[in-house]
Amino acid sequence: MTTEGTTARIVRSADRKHWWDGAIDSWQSFPATGNFDLASAAHGLLLVHNEDTVAPGEGFDRHHHRNMEIVTWVLDGVLRHEDSVGHTGVLRPGVIQRMSAGSGVLHSERNDNGYTSRQPLRVVQMWIPPSTPDTAPSYEERDVSDALAGGDLVVVASGRESHAGRAAVTLGNRDAALHVARPAAGQSITVPDAPYIHVFLARGEATTGGDELRQGDAVRLTGDGSHRITATAPSEILIWEMHSAAE
């Protein structure tokens, strides 16, 4: 699909990379598991965009990250975060989390609902590189549920100067921002204008440029130009705005 000034590629939900280990069911917009050259498959600055369903009581044991901005968004359930710098977070839908790995950090993430709860965790985790490497590790989270109630696009994480004072949490990359919207059926949102855009339909149904989108579908936009998305059912949409590309 091409519009004036913009090229769009739709990545259907079923066409994502799939990894499953019995406890974690991971659908990856970019190949992540076992990939040591994430930039080779990136779109703009977005290196990882995984939708993971985690069984009750299960999760990712403590592991190491360095020089990565890791953004986590819970769709269903409760996630518990713990890291080697002393941060602990309990994330629910509507809470945005950013962990800057910087010079190095260990962390774990688990479904905070126990084995007997039968309540899975569904979470989207996204990675972008920092603008400045080897900074001190840091952590931030914020509940944006009230801001999302009207269905409009909300800046939930950003390092862009133009979003100073508007973003819920700050990213360590000056060229990237994450927007989230929960539009009602019939409501439209305007996609930010940027050289690289990644749109992910986390739930619901929508149309854009004459194409229908279903839960798990993504649209990768390249080139400047306006774009609109209309929800045809109550939906949740995640949009990355990026003004440079990963190296």
C-alpha atoms as a PDB file:
ATOM      1  CA  MET A   1       0.000   0.000   0.000  1.00  0.00           C
ATOM      2  CA  THR A   2       1.381   3.413  -1.011  1.00  0.00           C
ATOM      3  CA  THR A   3      -0.007   6.898  -0.423  1.00  0.00           C
ATOM      4  CA  GLU A   4       1.519  10.228  -1.373  1.00  0.00           C
ATOM      5  CA  GLY A   5       4.900  10.463   0.346  1.00  0.00           C
ATOM      6  CA  THR A   6       4.379   7.265   2.357  1.00  0.00           C
ATOM      7  CA  THR A   7       4.994   3.561   1.803  1.00  0.00           C
ATOM      8  CA  ALA A   8       3.111   1.145   4.056  1.00  0.00           C
ATOM      9  CA  ARG A   9       3.694  -2.550   4.645  1.00  0.00           C
ATOM     10  CA  ILE A  10       1.109  -4.552   6.545  1.00  0.00           C
ATOM     11  CA  VAL A  11       2.441  -7.418   8.667  1.00  0.00           C
ATOM     12  CA  ARG A  12      -0.371  -9.781   9.524  1.00  0.00           C
ATOM     13  CA  SER A  13      -0.575 -11.311  12.987  1.00  0.00           C
ATOM     14  CA  ALA A  14       0.000 -14.852  11.742  1.00  0.00           C
ATOM     15  CA  ASP A  15       3.069 -13.800   9.736  1.00  0.00           C
ATOM     16  CA  ARG A  16       5.046 -12.763  12.811  1.00  0.00           C
ATOM     17  CA  LYS A  17       7.872 -14.922  14.116  1.00  0.00           C
ATOM     18  CA  HIS A  18       6.624 -17.448  16.689  1.00  0.00           C
ATOM     19  CA  TRP A  19       8.480 -18.880  19.676  1.00  0.00           C
ATOM     20  CA  TRP A  20       6.991 -21.097  22.387  1.00  0.00           C
ATOM     21  CA  ASP A  21       8.610 -22.945  25.285  1.00  0.00           C
ATOM     22  CA  GLY A  22       5.545 -24.339  27.043  1.00  0.00           C
ATOM     23  CA  ALA A  23       5.191 -21.414  29.451  1.00  0.00           C
ATOM     24  CA  ILE A  24       5.740 -18.388  27.192  1.00  0.00           C
ATOM     25  CA  ASP A  25       4.005 -17.983  23.833  1.00  0.00           C
ATOM     26  CA  SER A  26       5.807 -15.197  21.949  1.00  0.00           C
ATOM     27  CA  TRP A  27       4.683 -13.563  18.687  1.00  0.00           C
ATOM     28  CA  GLN A  28       7.470 -11.334  17.423  1.00  0.00           C
ATOM     29  CA  SER A  29       7.044  -8.507  14.898  1.00  0.00           C
ATOM     30  CA  PHE A  30      10.827  -8.724  14.404  1.00  0.00           C
ATOM     31  CA  PRO A  31      12.868 -11.912  14.948  1.00  0.00           C
ATOM     32  CA  ALA A  32      14.116 -11.611  18.527  1.00  0.00           C
ATOM     33  CA  THR A  33      14.742 -15.017  20.073  1.00  0.00           C
ATOM     34  CA  GLY A  34      18.353 -15.999  19.366  1.00  0.00           C
ATOM     35  CA  ASN A  35      18.924 -12.957  17.134  1.00  0.00           C
ATOM     36  CA  PHE A  36      22.225 -11.236  17.924  1.00  0.00           C
ATOM     37  CA  ASP A  37      21.890  -8.660  15.118  1.00  0.00           C
ATOM     38  CA  LEU A  38      18.594  -6.995  15.956  1.00  0.00           C
ATOM     39  CA  ALA A  39      19.321  -3.902  13.834  1.00  0.00           C
ATOM     40  CA  SER A  40      19.343  -5.993  10.636  1.00  0.00           C
ATOM     41  CA  ALA A  41      15.576  -6.535  10.840  1.00  0.00           C
ATOM     42  CA  ALA A  42      14.579  -3.286  12.606  1.00  0.00           C
ATOM     43  CA  HIS A  43      12.073  -0.749  11.375  1.00  0.00           C
ATOM     44  CA  GLY A  44      13.454   2.674  12.193  1.00  0.00           C
ATOM     45  CA  LEU A  45      14.653   2.460  15.788  1.00  0.00           C
ATOM     46  CA  LEU A  46      12.345  -0.378  16.759  1.00  0.00           C
ATOM     47  CA  LEU A  47      14.445  -3.504  17.329  1.00  0.00           C
ATOM     48  CA  VAL A  48      12.039  -5.732  19.272  1.00  0.00           C
ATOM     49  CA  HIS A  49       8.245  -5.770  19.422  1.00  0.00           C
ATOM     50  CA  ASN A  50       7.061  -8.967  21.105  1.00  0.00           C
ATOM     51  CA  GLU A  51       3.534  -9.874  22.153  1.00  0.00           C
ATOM     52  CA  ASP A  52       3.985 -12.510  24.857  1.00  0.00           C
ATOM     53  CA  THR A  53       1.405 -14.626  26.652  1.00  0.00           C
ATOM     54  CA  VAL A  54       2.871 -15.942  29.907  1.00  0.00           C
ATOM     55  CA  ALA A  55       1.333 -18.811  31.858  1.00  0.00           C
ATOM     56  CA  PRO A  56       0.347 -18.252  35.521  1.00  0.00           C
ATOM     57  CA  GLY A  57       3.363 -18.155  37.829  1.00  0.00           C
ATOM     58  CA  GLU A  58       5.816 -18.323  34.919  1.00  0.00           C
ATOM     59  CA  GLY A  59       8.061 -15.718  33.349  1.00  0.00           C
ATOM     60  CA  PHE A  60      11.570 -14.670  32.393  1.00  0.00           C
ATOM     61  CA  ASP A  61      14.166 -15.460  35.053  1.00  0.00           C
ATOM     62  CA  ARG A  62      16.864 -12.899  35.869  1.00  0.00           C
ATOM     63  CA  HIS A  63      18.838 -11.998  32.746  1.00  0.00           C
ATOM     64  CA  HIS A  64      21.189  -9.260  31.567  1.00  0.00           C
ATOM     65  CA  HIS A  65      20.614  -6.191  29.348  1.00  0.00           C
ATOM     66  CA  ARG A  66      22.947  -3.390  28.317  1.00  0.00           C
ATOM     67  CA  ASN A  67      22.395  -0.199  26.293  1.00  0.00           C
ATOM     68  CA  MET A  68      18.732  -0.757  25.569  1.00  0.00           C
ATOM     69  CA  GLU A  69      15.557   1.221  26.250  1.00  0.00           C
ATOM     70  CA  ILE A  70      12.975  -1.429  27.164  1.00  0.00           C
ATOM     71  CA  VAL A  71       9.316  -0.376  27.172  1.00  0.00           C
ATOM     72  CA  THR A  72       6.646  -2.693  28.584  1.00  0.00           C
ATOM     73  CA  TRP A  73       2.872  -2.460  28.138  1.00  0.00           C
ATOM     74  CA  VAL A  74       0.488  -4.955  29.767  1.00  0.00           C
ATOM     75  CA  LEU A  75      -2.658  -5.885  27.845  1.00  0.00           C
ATOM     76  CA  ASP A  76      -4.135  -8.458  30.258  1.00  0.00           C
ATOM     77  CA  GLY A  77      -3.069  -9.680  33.683  1.00  0.00           C
ATOM     78  CA  VAL A  78      -0.363  -8.511  36.089  1.00  0.00           C
ATOM     79  CA  LEU A  79       3.423  -8.415  35.562  1.00  0.00           C
ATOM     80  CA  ARG A  80       6.017  -8.252  38.356  1.00  0.00           C
ATOM     81  CA  HIS A  81       9.374  -6.629  37.555  1.00  0.00           C
ATOM     82  CA  GLU A  82      12.496  -6.830  39.731  1.00  0.00           C
ATOM     83  CA  ASP A  83      16.008  -5.665  38.835  1.00  0.00           C
ATOM     84  CA  SER A  84      19.536  -5.558  40.223  1.00  0.00           C
ATOM     85  CA  VAL A  85      19.379  -1.791  40.829  1.00  0.00           C
ATOM     86  CA  GLY A  86      16.594  -2.282  43.368  1.00  0.00           C
ATOM     87  CA  HIS A  87      13.524  -1.385  41.324  1.00  0.00           C
ATOM     88  CA  THR A  88      10.328  -3.393  41.772  1.00  0.00           C
ATOM     89  CA  GLY A  89       7.195  -2.813  39.743  1.00  0.00           C
ATOM     90  CA  VAL A  90       3.765  -4.432  39.534  1.00  0.00           C
ATOM     91  CA  LEU A  91       2.283  -3.550  36.142  1.00  0.00           C
ATOM     92  CA  ARG A  92      -1.356  -3.766  35.110  1.00  0.00           C
ATOM     93  CA  PRO A  93      -3.180  -2.610  31.980  1.00  0.00           C
ATOM     94  CA  GLY A  94      -2.844   1.154  31.646  1.00  0.00           C
ATOM     95  CA  VAL A  95       0.599   1.373  33.298  1.00  0.00           C
ATOM     96  CA  ILE A  96       3.548   2.193  31.027  1.00  0.00           C
ATOM     97  CA  GLN A  97       7.022   1.082  32.118  1.00  0.00           C
ATOM     98  CA  ARG A  98      10.461   2.091  30.852  1.00  0.00           C
ATOM     99  CA  MET A  99      13.710   0.480  31.925  1.00  0.00           C
ATOM    100  CA  SER A 100      16.954   1.989  30.636  1.00  0.00           C
ATOM    101  CA  ALA A 101      19.558  -0.776  30.824  1.00  0.00           C
ATOM    102  CA  GLY A 102      22.444   1.654  30.255  1.00  0.00           C
ATOM    103  CA  SER A 103      25.813   0.294  31.407  1.00  0.00           C
ATOM    104  CA  GLY A 104      24.181  -2.968  32.467  1.00  0.00           C
ATOM    105  CA  VAL A 105      21.335  -4.348  34.566  1.00  0.00           C
ATOM    106  CA  LEU A 106      19.861  -7.706  35.530  1.00  0.00           C
ATOM    107  CA  HIS A 107      16.092  -8.060  35.701  1.00  0.00           C
ATOM    108  CA  SER A 108      13.300 -10.617  35.883  1.00  0.00           C
ATOM    109  CA  GLU A 109       9.675 -10.449  34.745  1.00  0.00           C
ATOM    110  CA  ARG A 110       6.927 -12.811  35.811  1.00  0.00           C
ATOM    111  CA  ASN A 111       3.196 -13.334  35.696  1.00  0.00           C
ATOM    112  CA  ASP A 112       2.277 -12.135  39.172  1.00  0.00           C
ATOM    113  CA  ASN A 113      -0.803 -14.360  39.228  1.00  0.00           C
ATOM    114  CA  GLY A 114       0.148 -17.713  40.758  1.00  0.00           C
ATOM    115  CA  TYR A 115      -0.012 -21.168  39.245  1.00  0.00           C
ATOM    116  CA  THR A 116      -3.502 -21.889  40.602  1.00  0.00           C
ATOM    117  CA  SER A 117      -5.033 -18.641  39.309  1.00  0.00           C
ATOM    118  CA  ARG A 118      -5.384 -19.822  35.690  1.00  0.00           C
ATOM    119  CA  GLN A 119      -4.898 -16.179  34.679  1.00  0.00           C
ATOM    120  CA  PRO A 120      -2.385 -15.682  31.857  1.00  0.00           C
ATOM    121  CA  LEU A 121      -0.402 -12.486  31.342  1.00  0.00           C
ATOM    122  CA  ARG A 122      -0.465 -10.839  27.900  1.00  0.00           C
ATOM    123  CA  VAL A 123       2.194  -8.176  27.484  1.00  0.00           C
ATOM    124  CA  VAL A 124       3.901  -6.230  24.699  1.00  0.00           C
ATOM    125  CA  GLN A 125       7.598  -5.538  25.146  1.00  0.00           C
ATOM    126  CA  MET A 126       9.464  -3.139  22.855  1.00  0.00           C
ATOM    127  CA  TRP A 127      13.171  -2.274  22.584  1.00  0.00           C
ATOM    128  CA  ILE A 128      14.947   0.711  21.052  1.00  0.00           C
ATOM    129  CA  PRO A 129      18.613   1.746  21.373  1.00  0.00           C
ATOM    130  CA  PRO A 130      19.598   4.727  23.546  1.00  0.00           C
ATOM    131  CA  SER A 131      20.963   7.944  22.074  1.00  0.00           C
ATOM    132  CA  THR A 132      23.853   7.865  24.573  1.00  0.00           C
ATOM    133  CA  PRO A 133      25.385   4.499  25.572  1.00  0.00           C
ATOM    134  CA  ASP A 134      26.553   3.361  28.999  1.00  0.00           C
ATOM    135  CA  THR A 135      24.478   5.730  31.116  1.00  0.00           C
ATOM    136  CA  ALA A 136      23.433   4.703  34.620  1.00  0.00           C
ATOM    137  CA  PRO A 137      20.534   2.208  34.591  1.00  0.00           C
ATOM    138  CA  SER A 138      17.173   3.775  35.435  1.00  0.00           C
ATOM    139  CA  TYR A 139      13.497   2.894  35.722  1.00  0.00           C
ATOM    140  CA  GLU A 140      10.186   4.723  35.394  1.00  0.00           C
ATOM    141  CA  GLU A 141       6.501   3.785  35.335  1.00  0.00           C
ATOM    142  CA  ARG A 142       3.249   5.733  35.161  1.00  0.00           C
ATOM    143  CA  ASP A 143      -0.474   4.951  35.121  1.00  0.00           C
ATOM    144  CA  VAL A 144      -2.026   6.570  32.024  1.00  0.00           C
ATOM    145  CA  SER A 145      -5.464   4.970  32.242  1.00  0.00           C
ATOM    146  CA  ASP A 146      -7.309   8.248  32.798  1.00  0.00           C
ATOM    147  CA  ALA A 147      -5.586   9.933  29.846  1.00  0.00           C
ATOM    148  CA  LEU A 148      -6.599   7.047  27.553  1.00  0.00           C
ATOM    149  CA  ALA A 149     -10.267   7.127  28.538  1.00  0.00           C
ATOM    150  CA  GLY A 150     -11.265   9.581  25.798  1.00  0.00           C
ATOM    151  CA  GLY A 151      -9.930   7.404  22.998  1.00  0.00           C
ATOM    152  CA  ASP A 152      -7.421   9.953  21.689  1.00  0.00           C
ATOM    153  CA  LEU A 153      -3.757   9.273  20.982  1.00  0.00           C
ATOM    154  CA  VAL A 154      -1.637   9.744  24.132  1.00  0.00           C
ATOM    155  CA  VAL A 155       2.157  10.154  24.316  1.00  0.00           C
ATOM    156  CA  VAL A 156       3.050   7.522  26.894  1.00  0.00           C
ATOM    157  CA  ALA A 157       6.855   7.438  26.416  1.00  0.00           C
ATOM    158  CA  SER A 158       9.146   9.841  24.583  1.00  0.00           C
ATOM    159  CA  GLY A 159      12.621  11.302  24.368  1.00  0.00           C
ATOM    160  CA  ARG A 160      11.561  13.902  21.811  1.00  0.00           C
ATOM    161  CA  GLU A 161      12.130  17.543  22.770  1.00  0.00           C
ATOM    162  CA  SER A 162       8.722  18.395  21.309  1.00  0.00           C
ATOM    163  CA  HIS A 163       7.096  16.097  23.895  1.00  0.00           C
ATOM    164  CA  ALA A 164       8.884  17.565  26.916  1.00  0.00           C
ATOM    165  CA  GLY A 165       6.403  17.778  29.777  1.00  0.00           C
ATOM    166  CA  ARG A 166       3.773  15.786  27.842  1.00  0.00           C
ATOM    167  CA  ALA A 167       5.119  12.230  27.913  1.00  0.00           C
ATOM    168  CA  ALA A 168       4.159   9.986  30.814  1.00  0.00           C
ATOM    169  CA  VAL A 169       7.672   8.494  30.981  1.00  0.00           C
ATOM    170  CA  THR A 170      10.929   9.679  29.403  1.00  0.00           C
ATOM    171  CA  LEU A 171      12.893   7.626  26.871  1.00  0.00           C
ATOM    172  CA  GLY A 172      16.659   7.745  26.562  1.00  0.00           C
ATOM    173  CA  ASN A 173      16.377   8.229  22.811  1.00  0.00           C
ATOM    174  CA  ARG A 174      15.741  11.757  21.514  1.00  0.00           C
ATOM    175  CA  ASP A 175      14.291  10.523  18.195  1.00  0.00           C
ATOM    176  CA  ALA A 176      11.518   8.182  19.389  1.00  0.00           C
ATOM    177  CA  ALA A 177       8.100   8.260  21.024  1.00  0.00           C
ATOM    178  CA  LEU A 178       5.402   5.714  21.812  1.00  0.00           C
ATOM    179  CA  HIS A 179       1.738   6.708  21.516  1.00  0.00           C
ATOM    180  CA  VAL A 180      -1.253   4.644  22.693  1.00  0.00           C
ATOM    181  CA  ALA A 181      -4.960   5.056  21.942  1.00  0.00           C
ATOM    182  CA  ARG A 182      -8.099   3.182  22.953  1.00  0.00           C
ATOM    183  CA  PRO A 183     -10.609   4.416  20.367  1.00  0.00           C
ATOM    184  CA  ALA A 184     -14.271   3.450  20.395  1.00  0.00           C
ATOM    185  CA  ALA A 185     -15.916   1.969  17.308  1.00  0.00           C
ATOM    186  CA  GLY A 186     -16.139   4.651  14.614  1.00  0.00           C
ATOM    187  CA  GLN A 187     -13.469   6.852  16.188  1.00  0.00           C
ATOM    188  CA  SER A 188     -10.458   7.862  14.068  1.00  0.00           C
ATOM    189  CA  ILE A 189      -6.930   8.838  15.079  1.00  0.00           C
ATOM    190  CA  THR A 190      -4.253  10.622  13.071  1.00  0.00           C
ATOM    191  CA  VAL A 191      -0.887   8.891  12.946  1.00  0.00           C
ATOM    192  CA  PRO A 192       2.081  11.161  13.819  1.00  0.00           C
ATOM    193  CA  ASP A 193       4.123  12.381  10.850  1.00  0.00           C
ATOM    194  CA  ALA A 194       7.619  10.852  10.955  1.00  0.00           C
ATOM    195  CA  PRO A 195      10.073   9.059   8.633  1.00  0.00           C
ATOM    196  CA  TYR A 196       9.378   5.747  10.403  1.00  0.00           C
ATOM    197  CA  ILE A 197       6.110   4.671  12.014  1.00  0.00           C
ATOM    198  CA  HIS A 198       5.118   1.312  13.486  1.00  0.00           C
ATOM    199  CA  VAL A 199       1.405   0.794  14.156  1.00  0.00           C
ATOM    200  CA  PHE A 200       0.293  -2.244  16.185  1.00  0.00           C
ATOM    201  CA  LEU A 201      -3.332  -3.219  16.723  1.00  0.00           C
ATOM    202  CA  ALA A 202      -3.178  -4.783  20.166  1.00  0.00           C
ATOM    203  CA  ARG A 203      -6.899  -5.516  20.287  1.00  0.00           C
ATOM    204  CA  GLY A 204     -10.016  -4.809  18.268  1.00  0.00           C
ATOM    205  CA  GLU A 205     -10.527  -4.098  14.573  1.00  0.00           C
ATOM    206  CA  ALA A 206      -9.677  -1.078  12.414  1.00  0.00           C
ATOM    207  CA  THR A 207      -9.228   0.181   8.879  1.00  0.00           C
ATOM    208  CA  THR A 208      -6.465   2.274   7.336  1.00  0.00           C
ATOM    209  CA  GLY A 209      -5.986   3.315   3.716  1.00  0.00           C
ATOM    210  CA  GLY A 210      -8.750   0.948   2.638  1.00  0.00           C
ATOM    211  CA  ASP A 211      -7.167  -2.065   4.392  1.00  0.00           C
ATOM    212  CA  GLU A 212      -8.753  -3.943   7.268  1.00  0.00           C
ATOM    213  CA  LEU A 213      -6.700  -4.673  10.383  1.00  0.00           C
ATOM    214  CA  ARG A 214      -7.326  -7.364  12.986  1.00  0.00           C
ATOM    215  CA  GLN A 215      -5.829  -7.970  16.425  1.00  0.00           C
ATOM    216  CA  GLY A 216      -2.081  -8.579  16.148  1.00  0.00           C
ATOM    217  CA  ASP A 217      -1.679  -6.901  12.746  1.00  0.00           C
ATOM    218  CA  ALA A 218       0.960  -4.189  12.296  1.00  0.00           C
ATOM    219  CA  VAL A 219       1.584  -1.460   9.725  1.00  0.00           C
ATOM    220  CA  ARG A 220       5.112  -0.219   9.007  1.00  0.00           C
ATOM    221  CA  LEU A 221       5.115   3.245   7.448  1.00  0.00           C
ATOM    222  CA  THR A 222       8.171   4.779   5.804  1.00  0.00           C
ATOM    223  CA  GLY A 223       8.313   8.369   4.568  1.00  0.00           C
ATOM    224  CA  ASP A 224       6.498  11.498   5.644  1.00  0.00           C
ATOM    225  CA  GLY A 225       2.769  11.920   5.074  1.00  0.00           C
ATOM    226  CA  SER A 226      -0.466  11.920   7.016  1.00  0.00           C
ATOM    227  CA  HIS A 227      -2.271   8.664   7.786  1.00  0.00           C
ATOM    228  CA  ARG A 228      -5.484   7.891   9.647  1.00  0.00           C
ATOM    229  CA  ILE A 229      -6.766   4.803  11.390  1.00  0.00           C
ATOM    230  CA  THR A 230     -10.450   4.237  12.127  1.00  0.00           C
ATOM    231  CA  ALA A 231     -11.556   1.721  14.739  1.00  0.00           C
ATOM    232  CA  THR A 232     -14.441  -0.473  13.593  1.00  0.00           C
ATOM    233  CA  ALA A 233     -14.695  -2.044  17.078  1.00  0.00           C
ATOM    234  CA  PRO A 234     -13.406  -0.924  20.492  1.00  0.00           C
ATOM    235  CA  SER A 235      -9.632  -1.120  19.998  1.00  0.00           C
ATOM    236  CA  GLU A 236      -6.205  -0.557  21.511  1.00  0.00           C
ATOM    237  CA  ILE A 237      -3.493   0.805  19.217  1.00  0.00           C
ATOM    238  CA  LEU A 238       0.240   1.274  19.875  1.00  0.00           C
ATOM    239  CA  ILE A 239       2.146   3.630  17.565  1.00  0.00           C
ATOM    240  CA  TRP A 240       5.909   4.219  17.484  1.00  0.00           C
ATOM    241  CA  GLU A 241       7.022   7.552  16.035  1.00  0.00           C
ATOM    242  CA  MET A 242      10.690   7.459  14.983  1.00  0.00           C
ATOM    243  CA  HIS A 243      12.848  10.163  13.381  1.00  0.00           C
ATOM    244  CA  SER A 244      15.971   8.082  12.758  1.00  0.00           C
ATOM    245  CA  ALA A 245      16.943   4.444  12.217  1.00  0.00           C
ATOM    246  CA  ALA A 246      18.933   1.925  14.207  1.00  0.00           C
ATOM    247  CA  GLU A 247      22.558   1.553  13.179  1.00  0.00           C
END
